[in-house]
Protein backbone atom coordinates (compact mmCIF):
# COMPACT_ATOMS: atom_id res chain seq x y z
CA UNK A 1 0.00 0.00 0.00
CA UNK A 2 2.85 2.35 0.83
CA UNK A 3 4.45 1.60 -2.54
CA UNK A 4 1.18 2.42 -4.34
CA UNK A 5 0.88 5.76 -2.54
CA UNK A 6 4.46 6.75 -3.34
CA UNK A 7 3.99 5.89 -7.05
CA UNK A 8 0.79 7.94 -7.10
CA UNK A 9 2.52 10.97 -5.60
CA UNK A 10 5.44 10.74 -8.06
CA UNK A 11 3.20 10.43 -11.14
CA UNK A 12 3.05 13.83 -12.86
CA UNK A 13 1.39 12.84 -16.15
CA UNK A 14 -1.99 14.15 -15.00
CA UNK A 15 -0.50 17.51 -14.05
CA UNK A 16 1.13 17.79 -17.46
CA UNK A 17 -2.16 17.08 -19.21
CA UNK A 18 -3.88 19.76 -17.12
CA UNK A 19 -1.14 22.26 -17.96
CA UNK A 20 -1.50 21.56 -21.69
CA UNK A 21 -5.25 21.94 -21.36
CA UNK A 22 -4.87 25.32 -19.65
CA UNK A 23 -2.43 26.51 -22.32
CA UNK A 24 -4.79 25.39 -25.11
CA UNK A 25 -7.75 27.14 -23.49
CA UNK A 26 -5.74 30.35 -23.06
CA UNK A 27 -4.72 30.27 -26.71
CA UNK A 28 -8.36 29.72 -27.70
CA UNK A 29 -9.47 32.73 -25.65
CA UNK A 30 -6.82 34.91 -27.32
CA UNK A 31 -7.84 33.72 -30.79
CA UNK A 32 -11.53 34.36 -30.08
CA UNK A 33 -10.75 37.84 -28.78
CA UNK A 34 -8.60 38.67 -31.78
CA UNK A 35 -11.18 37.33 -34.24
CA UNK A 36 -13.95 39.34 -32.58
CA UNK A 37 -11.93 42.55 -32.70
CA UNK A 38 -10.80 41.94 -36.26
CA UNK A 39 -14.35 41.09 -37.31
CA UNK A 40 -15.66 44.35 -35.88
CA UNK A 41 -12.99 46.38 -37.65
CA UNK A 42 -13.63 44.64 -40.97
CA UNK A 43 -17.37 45.18 -40.60
CA UNK A 44 -16.83 48.89 -39.92
CA UNK A 45 -14.52 49.16 -42.94
CA UNK A 46 -17.08 47.56 -45.24
CA UNK A 47 -19.80 49.81 -43.85
CA UNK A 48 -17.69 52.89 -44.57
CA UNK A 49 -16.96 51.72 -48.10
CA UNK A 50 -20.65 50.99 -48.65
CA UNK A 51 -21.61 54.45 -47.41
CA UNK A 52 -19.05 56.06 -49.70
CA UNK A 53 -20.45 54.22 -52.71
CA UNK A 54 -24.01 55.44 -52.13
C-alpha atoms as a PDB file:
ATOM      1  CA  UNK A   1       0.000   0.000   0.000  1.00  0.00           C
ATOM      2  CA  UNK A   2       2.854   2.349   0.826  1.00  0.00           C
ATOM      3  CA  UNK A   3       4.451   1.600  -2.542  1.00  0.00           C
ATOM      4  CA  UNK A   4       1.183   2.424  -4.341  1.00  0.00           C
ATOM      5  CA  UNK A   5       0.880   5.765  -2.539  1.00  0.00           C
ATOM      6  CA  UNK A   6       4.463   6.750  -3.344  1.00  0.00           C
ATOM      7  CA  UNK A   7       3.991   5.894  -7.047  1.00  0.00           C
ATOM      8  CA  UNK A   8       0.790   7.937  -7.100  1.00  0.00           C
ATOM      9  CA  UNK A   9       2.524  10.971  -5.602  1.00  0.00           C
ATOM     10  CA  UNK A  10       5.441  10.736  -8.057  1.00  0.00           C
ATOM     11  CA  UNK A  11       3.197  10.434 -11.140  1.00  0.00           C
ATOM     12  CA  UNK A  12       3.047  13.833 -12.864  1.00  0.00           C
ATOM     13  CA  UNK A  13       1.393  12.838 -16.147  1.00  0.00           C
ATOM     14  CA  UNK A  14      -1.993  14.148 -15.003  1.00  0.00           C
ATOM     15  CA  UNK A  15      -0.499  17.508 -14.047  1.00  0.00           C
ATOM     16  CA  UNK A  16       1.133  17.793 -17.457  1.00  0.00           C
ATOM     17  CA  UNK A  17      -2.156  17.081 -19.210  1.00  0.00           C
ATOM     18  CA  UNK A  18      -3.879  19.758 -17.125  1.00  0.00           C
ATOM     19  CA  UNK A  19      -1.136  22.261 -17.963  1.00  0.00           C
ATOM     20  CA  UNK A  20      -1.498  21.556 -21.688  1.00  0.00           C
ATOM     21  CA  UNK A  21      -5.254  21.940 -21.362  1.00  0.00           C
ATOM     22  CA  UNK A  22      -4.871  25.316 -19.654  1.00  0.00           C
ATOM     23  CA  UNK A  23      -2.431  26.511 -22.322  1.00  0.00           C
ATOM     24  CA  UNK A  24      -4.788  25.389 -25.106  1.00  0.00           C
ATOM     25  CA  UNK A  25      -7.752  27.144 -23.490  1.00  0.00           C
ATOM     26  CA  UNK A  26      -5.739  30.347 -23.057  1.00  0.00           C
ATOM     27  CA  UNK A  27      -4.724  30.265 -26.709  1.00  0.00           C
ATOM     28  CA  UNK A  28      -8.360  29.716 -27.703  1.00  0.00           C
ATOM     29  CA  UNK A  29      -9.469  32.732 -25.651  1.00  0.00           C
ATOM     30  CA  UNK A  30      -6.819  34.907 -27.319  1.00  0.00           C
ATOM     31  CA  UNK A  31      -7.842  33.719 -30.786  1.00  0.00           C
ATOM     32  CA  UNK A  32     -11.529  34.362 -30.081  1.00  0.00           C
ATOM     33  CA  UNK A  33     -10.753  37.838 -28.779  1.00  0.00           C
ATOM     34  CA  UNK A  34      -8.596  38.675 -31.782  1.00  0.00           C
ATOM     35  CA  UNK A  35     -11.177  37.335 -34.240  1.00  0.00           C
ATOM     36  CA  UNK A  36     -13.947  39.339 -32.579  1.00  0.00           C
ATOM     37  CA  UNK A  37     -11.926  42.555 -32.699  1.00  0.00           C
ATOM     38  CA  UNK A  38     -10.798  41.945 -36.263  1.00  0.00           C
ATOM     39  CA  UNK A  39     -14.346  41.092 -37.315  1.00  0.00           C
ATOM     40  CA  UNK A  40     -15.658  44.351 -35.880  1.00  0.00           C
ATOM     41  CA  UNK A  41     -12.993  46.380 -37.650  1.00  0.00           C
ATOM     42  CA  UNK A  42     -13.631  44.641 -40.970  1.00  0.00           C
ATOM     43  CA  UNK A  43     -17.373  45.184 -40.596  1.00  0.00           C
ATOM     44  CA  UNK A  44     -16.828  48.889 -39.923  1.00  0.00           C
ATOM     45  CA  UNK A  45     -14.523  49.165 -42.936  1.00  0.00           C
ATOM     46  CA  UNK A  46     -17.082  47.557 -45.238  1.00  0.00           C
ATOM     47  CA  UNK A  47     -19.802  49.810 -43.848  1.00  0.00           C
ATOM     48  CA  UNK A  48     -17.688  52.891 -44.565  1.00  0.00           C
ATOM     49  CA  UNK A  49     -16.959  51.719 -48.098  1.00  0.00           C
ATOM     50  CA  UNK A  50     -20.648  50.987 -48.651  1.00  0.00           C
ATOM     51  CA  UNK A  51     -21.605  54.449 -47.405  1.00  0.00           C
ATOM     52  CA  UNK A  52     -19.047  56.056 -49.698  1.00  0.00           C
ATOM     53  CA  UNK A  53     -20.451  54.215 -52.714  1.00  0.00           C
ATOM     54  CA  UNK A  54     -24.012  55.444 -52.128  1.00  0.00           C
END
